């Protein structure tokens, strides 16, 4: 319920209001990869780059085949000037998504 409500708020182009709902959803179901991924996207939109790697790493541990998530995390690490980490995530995203265009 918290996840779905958070998504509904996000679809309204709201950045702040969905975050508490998605944080609650993440705490309630530690096995779900979607809440931490969406939180990472929202943290980035809110300019909270330092918060994003933790939730995205959680999402990727739960769903390691998420190439788009790896590309997103690579972009965040690049923004935070963690270049070796950014390179590793982006290379893995390219390996996982060779036929897709990755936007950074």
PDB file of N, CA and C in Angstrom:
ATOM      1  N   UNK A   1       0.820  -1.173   0.000  1.00  0.00           N
ATOM      2  CA  UNK A   1       0.000   0.000   0.000  1.00  0.00           C
ATOM      3  C   UNK A   1       0.882   1.262   0.000  1.00  0.00           C
ATOM      4  N   UNK A   2       1.917   1.303   0.840  1.00  0.00           N
ATOM      5  CA  UNK A   2       2.799   2.479   0.894  1.00  0.00           C
ATOM      6  C   UNK A   2       3.532   2.661  -0.431  1.00  0.00           C
ATOM      7  N   UNK A   3       3.959   1.539  -1.021  1.00  0.00           N
ATOM      8  CA  UNK A   3       4.656   1.613  -2.310  1.00  0.00           C
ATOM      9  C   UNK A   3       3.734   2.196  -3.377  1.00  0.00           C
ATOM     10  N   UNK A   4       2.519   1.670  -3.475  1.00  0.00           N
ATOM     11  CA  UNK A   4       1.578   2.147  -4.489  1.00  0.00           C
ATOM     12  C   UNK A   4       1.206   3.608  -4.271  1.00  0.00           C
ATOM     13  N   UNK A   5       1.031   4.002  -3.015  1.00  0.00           N
ATOM     14  CA  UNK A   5       0.708   5.401  -2.729  1.00  0.00           C
ATOM     15  C   UNK A   5       1.894   6.301  -3.086  1.00  0.00           C
ATOM     16  N   UNK A   6       3.093   5.853  -2.758  1.00  0.00           N
ATOM     17  CA  UNK A   6       4.291   6.612  -3.118  1.00  0.00           C
ATOM     18  C   UNK A   6       4.419   6.783  -4.623  1.00  0.00           C
ATOM     19  N   UNK A   7       4.129   5.720  -5.376  1.00  0.00           N
ATOM     20  CA  UNK A   7       4.165   5.814  -6.841  1.00  0.00           C
ATOM     21  C   UNK A   7       3.119   6.791  -7.361  1.00  0.00           C
ATOM     22  N   UNK A   8       1.936   6.755  -6.772  1.00  0.00           N
ATOM     23  CA  UNK A   8       0.880   7.680  -7.194  1.00  0.00           C
ATOM     24  C   UNK A   8       1.314   9.128  -6.973  1.00  0.00           C
ATOM     25  N   UNK A   9       1.933   9.396  -5.840  1.00  0.00           N
ATOM     26  CA  UNK A   9       2.427  10.755  -5.567  1.00  0.00           C
ATOM     27  C   UNK A   9       3.545  11.129  -6.531  1.00  0.00           C
ATOM     28  N   UNK A  10       4.399  10.175  -6.848  1.00  0.00           N
ATOM     29  CA  UNK A  10       5.502  10.423  -7.788  1.00  0.00           C
ATOM     30  C   UNK A  10       4.967  10.769  -9.168  1.00  0.00           C
ATOM     31  N   UNK A  11       3.903  10.110  -9.575  1.00  0.00           N
ATOM     32  CA  UNK A  11       3.319  10.369 -10.897  1.00  0.00           C
ATOM     33  C   UNK A  11       2.742  11.772 -11.006  1.00  0.00           C
ATOM     34  N   UNK A  12       2.504  12.402  -9.880  1.00  0.00           N
ATOM     35  CA  UNK A  12       2.023  13.781  -9.877  1.00  0.00           C
ATOM     36  C   UNK A  12       3.191  14.764  -9.944  1.00  0.00           C
ATOM     37  N   UNK A  13       4.383  14.260 -10.288  1.00  0.00           N
ATOM     38  CA  UNK A  13       5.606  15.066 -10.328  1.00  0.00           C
ATOM     39  C   UNK A  13       5.937  15.691  -8.986  1.00  0.00           C
ATOM     40  N   UNK A  14       5.592  14.978  -7.940  1.00  0.00           N
ATOM     41  CA  UNK A  14       5.897  15.399  -6.585  1.00  0.00           C
ATOM     42  C   UNK A  14       7.190  14.696  -6.178  1.00  0.00           C
ATOM     43  N   UNK A  15       8.119  15.409  -5.613  1.00  0.00           N
ATOM     44  CA  UNK A  15       9.375  14.794  -5.198  1.00  0.00           C
ATOM     45  C   UNK A  15       9.381  14.501  -3.703  1.00  0.00           C
ATOM     46  N   UNK A  16       8.916  15.413  -2.891  1.00  0.00           N
ATOM     47  CA  UNK A  16       9.046  15.268  -1.441  1.00  0.00           C
ATOM     48  C   UNK A  16       8.039  14.305  -0.825  1.00  0.00           C
ATOM     49  N   UNK A  17       6.773  14.401  -1.203  1.00  0.00           N
ATOM     50  CA  UNK A  17       5.740  13.606  -0.538  1.00  0.00           C
ATOM     51  C   UNK A  17       5.874  12.094  -0.714  1.00  0.00           C
ATOM     52  N   UNK A  18       6.313  11.586  -1.869  1.00  0.00           N
ATOM     53  CA  UNK A  18       6.402  10.126  -1.986  1.00  0.00           C
ATOM     54  C   UNK A  18       7.546   9.505  -1.184  1.00  0.00           C
ATOM     55  N   UNK A  19       8.551  10.282  -0.845  1.00  0.00           N
ATOM     56  CA  UNK A  19       9.731   9.722  -0.172  1.00  0.00           C
ATOM     57  C   UNK A  19       9.378   9.029   1.138  1.00  0.00           C
ATOM     58  N   UNK A  20       8.622   9.642   2.057  1.00  0.00           N
ATOM     59  CA  UNK A  20       8.292   8.922   3.299  1.00  0.00           C
ATOM     60  C   UNK A  20       7.500   7.634   3.054  1.00  0.00           C
ATOM     61  N   UNK A  21       6.600   7.664   2.073  1.00  0.00           N
ATOM     62  CA  UNK A  21       5.814   6.458   1.768  1.00  0.00           C
ATOM     63  C   UNK A  21       6.714   5.338   1.261  1.00  0.00           C
ATOM     64  N   UNK A  22       7.639   5.682   0.391  1.00  0.00           N
ATOM     65  CA  UNK A  22       8.542   4.669  -0.165  1.00  0.00           C
ATOM     66  C   UNK A  22       9.558   4.190   0.870  1.00  0.00           C
ATOM     67  N   UNK A  23       9.978   5.078   1.758  1.00  0.00           N
ATOM     68  CA  UNK A  23      10.867   4.641   2.840  1.00  0.00           C
ATOM     69  C   UNK A  23      10.143   3.649   3.750  1.00  0.00           C
ATOM     70  N   UNK A  24       8.858   3.908   4.006  1.00  0.00           N
ATOM     71  CA  UNK A  24       8.069   2.967   4.811  1.00  0.00           C
ATOM     72  C   UNK A  24       7.914   1.642   4.079  1.00  0.00           C
ATOM     73  N   UNK A  25       7.616   1.696   2.793  1.00  0.00           N
ATOM     74  CA  UNK A  25       7.473   0.471   2.001  1.00  0.00           C
ATOM     75  C   UNK A  25       8.766  -0.342   2.013  1.00  0.00           C
ATOM     76  N   UNK A  26       9.894   0.349   1.919  1.00  0.00           N
ATOM     77  CA  UNK A  26      11.192  -0.339   1.940  1.00  0.00           C
ATOM     78  C   UNK A  26      11.398  -1.055   3.278  1.00  0.00           C
ATOM     79  N   UNK A  27      11.043  -0.403   4.371  1.00  0.00           N
ATOM     80  CA  UNK A  27      11.222  -0.997   5.698  1.00  0.00           C
ATOM     81  C   UNK A  27      10.278  -2.177   5.927  1.00  0.00           C
ATOM     82  N   UNK A  28       9.083  -2.106   5.341  1.00  0.00           N
ATOM     83  CA  UNK A  28       8.093  -3.160   5.549  1.00  0.00           C
ATOM     84  C   UNK A  28       8.391  -4.428   4.750  1.00  0.00           C
ATOM     85  N   UNK A  29       9.051  -4.285   3.606  1.00  0.00           N
ATOM     86  CA  UNK A  29       9.372  -5.452   2.781  1.00  0.00           C
ATOM     87  C   UNK A  29      10.808  -5.339   2.309  1.00  0.00           C
ATOM     88  N   UNK A  30      11.709  -5.882   3.090  1.00  0.00           N
ATOM     89  CA  UNK A  30      13.140  -5.798   2.788  1.00  0.00           C
ATOM     90  C   UNK A  30      13.534  -6.617   1.570  1.00  0.00           C
ATOM     91  N   UNK A  31      12.630  -7.457   1.067  1.00  0.00           N
ATOM     92  CA  UNK A  31      12.953  -8.286  -0.092  1.00  0.00           C
ATOM     93  C   UNK A  31      12.517  -7.651  -1.410  1.00  0.00           C
ATOM     94  N   UNK A  32      11.827  -6.529  -1.360  1.00  0.00           N
ATOM     95  CA  UNK A  32      11.343  -5.871  -2.581  1.00  0.00           C
ATOM     96  C   UNK A  32      12.412  -4.921  -3.121  1.00  0.00           C
ATOM     97  N   UNK A  33      12.724  -5.056  -4.396  1.00  0.00           N
ATOM     98  CA  UNK A  33      13.754  -4.204  -4.997  1.00  0.00           C
ATOM     99  C   UNK A  33      13.190  -2.878  -5.516  1.00  0.00           C
ATOM    100  N   UNK A  34      11.892  -2.795  -5.717  1.00  0.00           N
ATOM    101  CA  UNK A  34      11.310  -1.600  -6.323  1.00  0.00           C
ATOM    102  C   UNK A  34      11.336  -0.360  -5.416  1.00  0.00           C
ATOM    103  N   UNK A  35      10.933  -0.459  -4.130  1.00  0.00           N
ATOM    104  CA  UNK A  35      10.955   0.762  -3.307  1.00  0.00           C
ATOM    105  C   UNK A  35      12.334   1.423  -3.220  1.00  0.00           C
ATOM    106  N   UNK A  36      13.424   0.678  -2.984  1.00  0.00           N
ATOM    107  CA  UNK A  36      14.708   1.381  -2.930  1.00  0.00           C
ATOM    108  C   UNK A  36      15.131   1.974  -4.273  1.00  0.00           C
ATOM    109  N   UNK A  37      14.743   1.320  -5.369  1.00  0.00           N
ATOM    110  CA  UNK A  37      15.091   1.877  -6.682  1.00  0.00           C
ATOM    111  C   UNK A  37      14.365   3.203  -6.913  1.00  0.00           C
ATOM    112  N   UNK A  38      13.059   3.227  -6.666  1.00  0.00           N
ATOM    113  CA  UNK A  38      12.287   4.457  -6.863  1.00  0.00           C
ATOM    114  C   UNK A  38      12.769   5.538  -5.895  1.00  0.00           C
ATOM    115  N   UNK A  39      13.117   5.140  -4.672  1.00  0.00           N
ATOM    116  CA  UNK A  39      13.679   6.113  -3.724  1.00  0.00           C
ATOM    117  C   UNK A  39      14.953   6.736  -4.281  1.00  0.00           C
ATOM    118  N   UNK A  40      15.803   5.912  -4.872  1.00  0.00           N
ATOM    119  CA  UNK A  40      17.035   6.436  -5.462  1.00  0.00           C
ATOM    120  C   UNK A  40      16.762   7.461  -6.537  1.00  0.00           C
ATOM    121  N   UNK A  41      15.783   7.188  -7.373  1.00  0.00           N
ATOM    122  CA  UNK A  41      15.409   8.138  -8.427  1.00  0.00           C
ATOM    123  C   UNK A  41      14.894   9.435  -7.811  1.00  0.00           C
ATOM    124  N   UNK A  42      14.055   9.309  -6.793  1.00  0.00           N
ATOM    125  CA  UNK A  42      13.521  10.511  -6.139  1.00  0.00           C
ATOM    126  C   UNK A  42      14.611  11.294  -5.414  1.00  0.00           C
ATOM    127  N   UNK A  43      15.528  10.589  -4.755  1.00  0.00           N
ATOM    128  CA  UNK A  43      16.630  11.279  -4.088  1.00  0.00           C
ATOM    129  C   UNK A  43      17.432  12.084  -5.102  1.00  0.00           C
ATOM    130  N   UNK A  44      17.646  11.505  -6.288  1.00  0.00           N
ATOM    131  CA  UNK A  44      18.391  12.218  -7.315  1.00  0.00           C
ATOM    132  C   UNK A  44      17.611  13.462  -7.752  1.00  0.00           C
ATOM    133  N   UNK A  45      16.317  13.315  -7.989  1.00  0.00           N
ATOM    134  CA  UNK A  45      15.504  14.457  -8.406  1.00  0.00           C
ATOM    135  C   UNK A  45      15.465  15.541  -7.341  1.00  0.00           C
ATOM    136  N   UNK A  46      15.585  15.147  -6.077  1.00  0.00           N
ATOM    137  CA  UNK A  46      15.565  16.114  -4.977  1.00  0.00           C
ATOM    138  C   UNK A  46      16.956  16.681  -4.690  1.00  0.00           C
ATOM    139  N   UNK A  47      17.951  16.230  -5.444  1.00  0.00           N
ATOM    140  CA  UNK A  47      19.312  16.705  -5.221  1.00  0.00           C
ATOM    141  C   UNK A  47      20.001  16.042  -4.051  1.00  0.00           C
ATOM    142  N   UNK A  48      19.453  14.943  -3.569  1.00  0.00           N
ATOM    143  CA  UNK A  48      20.035  14.224  -2.426  1.00  0.00           C
ATOM    144  C   UNK A  48      20.936  13.102  -2.941  1.00  0.00           C
ATOM    145  N   UNK A  49      21.967  13.476  -3.670  1.00  0.00           N
ATOM    146  CA  UNK A  49      22.844  12.492  -4.308  1.00  0.00           C
ATOM    147  C   UNK A  49      23.526  11.582  -3.301  1.00  0.00           C
ATOM    148  N   UNK A  50      23.888  12.108  -2.161  1.00  0.00           N
ATOM    149  CA  UNK A  50      24.587  11.289  -1.162  1.00  0.00           C
ATOM    150  C   UNK A  50      23.686  10.186  -0.605  1.00  0.00           C
ATOM    151  N   UNK A  51      22.366  10.383  -0.617  1.00  0.00           N
ATOM    152  CA  UNK A  51      21.429   9.366  -0.119  1.00  0.00           C
ATOM    153  C   UNK A  51      21.177   8.264  -1.142  1.00  0.00           C
ATOM    154  N   UNK A  52      21.370   8.582  -2.403  1.00  0.00           N
ATOM    155  CA  UNK A  52      20.977   7.674  -3.468  1.00  0.00           C
ATOM    156  C   UNK A  52      21.781   6.387  -3.558  1.00  0.00           C
ATOM    157  N   UNK A  53      23.116   6.411  -3.457  1.00  0.00           N
ATOM    158  CA  UNK A  53      23.850   5.150  -3.639  1.00  0.00           C
ATOM    159  C   UNK A  53      23.421   4.037  -2.696  1.00  0.00           C
ATOM    160  N   UNK A  54      23.107   4.347  -1.461  1.00  0.00           N
ATOM    161  CA  UNK A  54      22.714   3.313  -0.500  1.00  0.00           C
ATOM    162  C   UNK A  54      21.456   2.575  -0.916  1.00  0.00           C
ATOM    163  N   UNK A  55      20.419   3.325  -1.297  1.00  0.00           N
ATOM    164  CA  UNK A  55      19.174   2.662  -1.673  1.00  0.00           C
ATOM    165  C   UNK A  55      19.303   1.954  -3.007  1.00  0.00           C
ATOM    166  N   UNK A  56      20.066   2.524  -3.925  1.00  0.00           N
ATOM    167  CA  UNK A  56      20.250   1.835  -5.204  1.00  0.00           C
ATOM    168  C   UNK A  56      21.068   0.566  -5.039  1.00  0.00           C
ATOM    169  N   UNK A  57      22.073   0.602  -4.188  1.00  0.00           N
ATOM    170  CA  UNK A  57      22.839  -0.627  -3.923  1.00  0.00           C
ATOM    171  C   UNK A  57      21.941  -1.701  -3.321  1.00  0.00           C
ATOM    172  N   UNK A  58      21.040  -1.304  -2.437  1.00  0.00           N
ATOM    173  CA  UNK A  58      20.090  -2.257  -1.865  1.00  0.00           C
ATOM    174  C   UNK A  58      19.236  -2.870  -2.962  1.00  0.00           C
ATOM    175  N   UNK A  59      18.735  -2.038  -3.852  1.00  0.00           N
ATOM    176  CA  UNK A  59      17.905  -2.521  -4.953  1.00  0.00           C
ATOM    177  C   UNK A  59      18.686  -3.481  -5.851  1.00  0.00           C
ATOM    178  N   UNK A  60      19.937  -3.150  -6.141  1.00  0.00           N
ATOM    179  CA  UNK A  60      20.746  -3.989  -7.024  1.00  0.00           C
ATOM    180  C   UNK A  60      21.126  -5.317  -6.368  1.00  0.00           C
ATOM    181  N   UNK A  61      21.268  -5.327  -5.062  1.00  0.00           N
ATOM    182  CA  UNK A  61      21.532  -6.594  -4.374  1.00  0.00           C
ATOM    183  C   UNK A  61      20.322  -7.519  -4.492  1.00  0.00           C
ATOM    184  N   UNK A  62      19.134  -6.938  -4.471  1.00  0.00           N
ATOM    185  CA  UNK A  62      17.909  -7.724  -4.573  1.00  0.00           C
ATOM    186  C   UNK A  62      17.589  -8.100  -6.015  1.00  0.00           C
ATOM    187  N   UNK A  63      18.029  -7.285  -6.951  1.00  0.00           N
ATOM    188  CA  UNK A  63      17.770  -7.531  -8.378  1.00  0.00           C
ATOM    189  C   UNK A  63      19.024  -7.176  -9.182  1.00  0.00           C
ATOM    190  N   UNK A  64      20.036  -8.045  -9.156  1.00  0.00           N
ATOM    191  CA  UNK A  64      21.321  -7.735  -9.780  1.00  0.00           C
ATOM    192  C   UNK A  64      21.274  -7.569 -11.295  1.00  0.00           C
ATOM    193  N   UNK A  65      20.236  -8.055 -11.936  1.00  0.00           N
ATOM    194  CA  UNK A  65      20.147  -7.941 -13.391  1.00  0.00           C
ATOM    195  C   UNK A  65      19.569  -6.601 -13.849  1.00  0.00           C
ATOM    196  N   UNK A  66      19.374  -5.664 -12.950  1.00  0.00           N
ATOM    197  CA  UNK A  66      18.804  -4.355 -13.274  1.00  0.00           C
ATOM    198  C   UNK A  66      19.880  -3.453 -13.883  1.00  0.00           C
ATOM    199  N   UNK A  67      20.065  -3.581 -15.186  1.00  0.00           N
ATOM    200  CA  UNK A  67      21.069  -2.778 -15.880  1.00  0.00           C
ATOM    201  C   UNK A  67      20.775  -1.295 -15.840  1.00  0.00           C
ATOM    202  N   UNK A  68      19.514  -0.933 -15.916  1.00  0.00           N
ATOM    203  CA  UNK A  68      19.140   0.487 -15.846  1.00  0.00           C
ATOM    204  C   UNK A  68      19.501   1.051 -14.473  1.00  0.00           C
ATOM    205  N   UNK A  69      19.276   0.264 -13.423  1.00  0.00           N
ATOM    206  CA  UNK A  69      19.662   0.690 -12.080  1.00  0.00           C
ATOM    207  C   UNK A  69      21.163   0.885 -11.964  1.00  0.00           C
ATOM    208  N   UNK A  70      21.926  -0.003 -12.603  1.00  0.00           N
ATOM    209  CA  UNK A  70      23.391   0.137 -12.588  1.00  0.00           C
ATOM    210  C   UNK A  70      23.819   1.407 -13.325  1.00  0.00           C
ATOM    211  N   UNK A  71      23.177   1.687 -14.448  1.00  0.00           N
ATOM    212  CA  UNK A  71      23.498   2.917 -15.182  1.00  0.00           C
ATOM    213  C   UNK A  71      23.171   4.148 -14.346  1.00  0.00           C
ATOM    214  N   UNK A  72      22.041   4.099 -13.656  1.00  0.00           N
ATOM    215  CA  UNK A  72      21.648   5.222 -12.801  1.00  0.00           C
ATOM    216  C   UNK A  72      22.658   5.420 -11.680  1.00  0.00           C
ATOM    217  N   UNK A  73      23.062   4.328 -11.047  1.00  0.00           N
ATOM    218  CA  UNK A  73      24.040   4.431  -9.963  1.00  0.00           C
ATOM    219  C   UNK A  73      25.388   4.913 -10.492  1.00  0.00           C
ATOM    220  N   UNK A  74      25.759   4.469 -11.687  1.00  0.00           N
ATOM    221  CA  UNK A  74      26.996   4.967 -12.296  1.00  0.00           C
ATOM    222  C   UNK A  74      26.943   6.460 -12.523  1.00  0.00           C
ATOM    223  N   UNK A  75      25.789   6.950 -12.942  1.00  0.00           N
ATOM    224  CA  UNK A  75      25.614   8.383 -13.155  1.00  0.00           C
ATOM    225  C   UNK A  75      25.733   9.156 -11.837  1.00  0.00           C
ATOM    226  N   UNK A  76      25.144   8.615 -10.787  1.00  0.00           N
ATOM    227  CA  UNK A  76      25.235   9.265  -9.471  1.00  0.00           C
ATOM    228  C   UNK A  76      26.677   9.275  -8.986  1.00  0.00           C
ATOM    229  N   UNK A  77      27.363   8.132  -9.099  1.00  0.00           N
ATOM    230  CA  UNK A  77      28.768   8.085  -8.669  1.00  0.00           C
ATOM    231  C   UNK A  77      29.612   9.073  -9.472  1.00  0.00           C
ATOM    232  N   UNK A  78      29.303   9.219 -10.746  1.00  0.00           N
ATOM    233  CA  UNK A  78      30.012  10.209 -11.562  1.00  0.00           C
ATOM    234  C   UNK A  78      29.755  11.610 -11.021  1.00  0.00           C
ATOM    235  N   UNK A  79      28.511  11.906 -10.686  1.00  0.00           N
ATOM    236  CA  UNK A  79      28.163  13.211 -10.127  1.00  0.00           C
ATOM    237  C   UNK A  79      28.885  13.466  -8.799  1.00  0.00           C
ATOM    238  N   UNK A  80      29.056  12.408  -8.018  1.00  0.00           N
ATOM    239  CA  UNK A  80      29.737  12.529  -6.727  1.00  0.00           C
ATOM    240  C   UNK A  80      31.258  12.408  -6.866  1.00  0.00           C
ATOM    241  N   UNK A  81      31.732  12.353  -8.117  1.00  0.00           N
ATOM    242  CA  UNK A  81      33.157  12.252  -8.439  1.00  0.00           C
ATOM    243  C   UNK A  81      33.797  10.987  -7.885  1.00  0.00           C
ATOM    244  N   UNK A  82      33.029   9.920  -7.823  1.00  0.00           N
ATOM    245  CA  UNK A  82      33.557   8.600  -7.477  1.00  0.00           C
ATOM    246  C   UNK A  82      33.747   7.853  -8.790  1.00  0.00           C
ATOM    247  N   UNK A  83      34.776   8.263  -9.511  1.00  0.00           N
ATOM    248  CA  UNK A  83      34.946   7.827 -10.890  1.00  0.00           C
ATOM    249  C   UNK A  83      35.215   6.334 -11.056  1.00  0.00           C
ATOM    250  N   UNK A  84      36.040   5.685 -10.227  1.00  0.00           N
ATOM    251  CA  UNK A  84      36.218   4.242 -10.402  1.00  0.00           C
ATOM    252  C   UNK A  84      34.912   3.467 -10.217  1.00  0.00           C
ATOM    253  N   UNK A  85      34.107   3.865  -9.223  1.00  0.00           N
ATOM    254  CA  UNK A  85      32.831   3.208  -8.991  1.00  0.00           C
ATOM    255  C   UNK A  85      31.881   3.465 -10.163  1.00  0.00           C
ATOM    256  N   UNK A  86      31.856   4.709 -10.645  1.00  0.00           N
ATOM    257  CA  UNK A  86      31.000   5.054 -11.783  1.00  0.00           C
ATOM    258  C   UNK A  86      31.365   4.216 -12.994  1.00  0.00           C
ATOM    259  N   UNK A  87      32.644   4.100 -13.250  1.00  0.00           N
ATOM    260  CA  UNK A  87      33.099   3.314 -14.402  1.00  0.00           C
ATOM    261  C   UNK A  87      32.667   1.850 -14.280  1.00  0.00           C
ATOM    262  N   UNK A  88      32.825   1.284 -13.110  1.00  0.00           N
ATOM    263  CA  UNK A  88      32.461  -0.125 -12.912  1.00  0.00           C
ATOM    264  C   UNK A  88      30.954  -0.332 -13.120  1.00  0.00           C
ATOM    265  N   UNK A  89      30.133   0.548 -12.556  1.00  0.00           N
ATOM    266  CA  UNK A  89      28.684   0.396 -12.718  1.00  0.00           C
ATOM    267  C   UNK A  89      28.265   0.596 -14.168  1.00  0.00           C
ATOM    268  N   UNK A  90      28.860   1.573 -14.839  1.00  0.00           N
ATOM    269  CA  UNK A  90      28.485   1.827 -16.227  1.00  0.00           C
ATOM    270  C   UNK A  90      28.932   0.696 -17.147  1.00  0.00           C
ATOM    271  N   UNK A  91      30.104   0.141 -16.910  1.00  0.00           N
ATOM    272  CA  UNK A  91      30.555  -1.000 -17.714  1.00  0.00           C
ATOM    273  C   UNK A  91      29.625  -2.194 -17.529  1.00  0.00           C
ATOM    274  N   UNK A  92      29.201  -2.442 -16.302  1.00  0.00           N
ATOM    275  CA  UNK A  92      28.288  -3.553 -16.050  1.00  0.00           C
ATOM    276  C   UNK A  92      26.922  -3.281 -16.676  1.00  0.00           C
ATOM    277  N   UNK A  93      26.472  -2.028 -16.646  1.00  0.00           N
ATOM    278  CA  UNK A  93      25.197  -1.684 -17.286  1.00  0.00           C
ATOM    279  C   UNK A  93      25.276  -1.939 -18.786  1.00  0.00           C
ATOM    280  N   UNK A  94      26.375  -1.571 -19.399  1.00  0.00           N
ATOM    281  CA  UNK A  94      26.552  -1.810 -20.831  1.00  0.00           C
ATOM    282  C   UNK A  94      26.575  -3.298 -21.124  1.00  0.00           C
ATOM    283  N   UNK A  95      27.216  -4.066 -20.261  1.00  0.00           N
ATOM    284  CA  UNK A  95      27.261  -5.516 -20.451  1.00  0.00           C
ATOM    285  C   UNK A  95      25.852  -6.113 -20.341  1.00  0.00           C
ATOM    286  N   UNK A  96      25.074  -5.615 -19.392  1.00  0.00           N
ATOM    287  CA  UNK A  96      23.733  -6.156 -19.182  1.00  0.00           C
ATOM    288  C   UNK A  96      22.740  -5.672 -20.232  1.00  0.00           C
ATOM    289  N   UNK A  97      22.977  -4.504 -20.786  1.00  0.00           N
ATOM    290  CA  UNK A  97      22.028  -3.903 -21.728  1.00  0.00           C
ATOM    291  C   UNK A  97      22.715  -3.532 -23.059  1.00  0.00           C
ATOM    292  N   UNK A  98      23.357  -4.489 -23.719  1.00  0.00           N
ATOM    293  CA  UNK A  98      24.151  -4.121 -24.895  1.00  0.00           C
ATOM    294  C   UNK A  98      23.351  -3.526 -26.031  1.00  0.00           C
ATOM    295  N   UNK A  99      22.092  -3.892 -26.168  1.00  0.00           N
ATOM    296  CA  UNK A  99      21.304  -3.390 -27.283  1.00  0.00           C
ATOM    297  C   UNK A  99      20.469  -2.164 -26.928  1.00  0.00           C
ATOM    298  N   UNK A 100      20.467  -1.780 -25.671  1.00  0.00           N
ATOM    299  CA  UNK A 100      19.687  -0.617 -25.238  1.00  0.00           C
ATOM    300  C   UNK A 100      20.562   0.621 -25.239  1.00  0.00           C
ATOM    301  N   UNK A 101      19.941   1.717 -25.441  1.00  0.00           N
ATOM    302  CA  UNK A 101      20.633   2.991 -25.332  1.00  0.00           C
ATOM    303  C   UNK A 101      20.548   3.441 -23.890  1.00  0.00           C
ATOM    304  N   UNK A 102      21.674   3.686 -23.273  1.00  0.00           N
ATOM    305  CA  UNK A 102      21.717   4.109 -21.877  1.00  0.00           C
ATOM    306  C   UNK A 102      21.909   5.610 -21.848  1.00  0.00           C
ATOM    307  N   UNK A 103      20.996   6.313 -21.187  1.00  0.00           N
ATOM    308  CA  UNK A 103      21.112   7.765 -21.054  1.00  0.00           C
ATOM    309  C   UNK A 103      21.646   8.088 -19.673  1.00  0.00           C
ATOM    310  N   UNK A 104      22.616   8.940 -19.653  1.00  0.00           N
ATOM    311  CA  UNK A 104      23.235   9.311 -18.375  1.00  0.00           C
ATOM    312  C   UNK A 104      23.130  10.801 -18.178  1.00  0.00           C
TER     313      UNK A 104
END
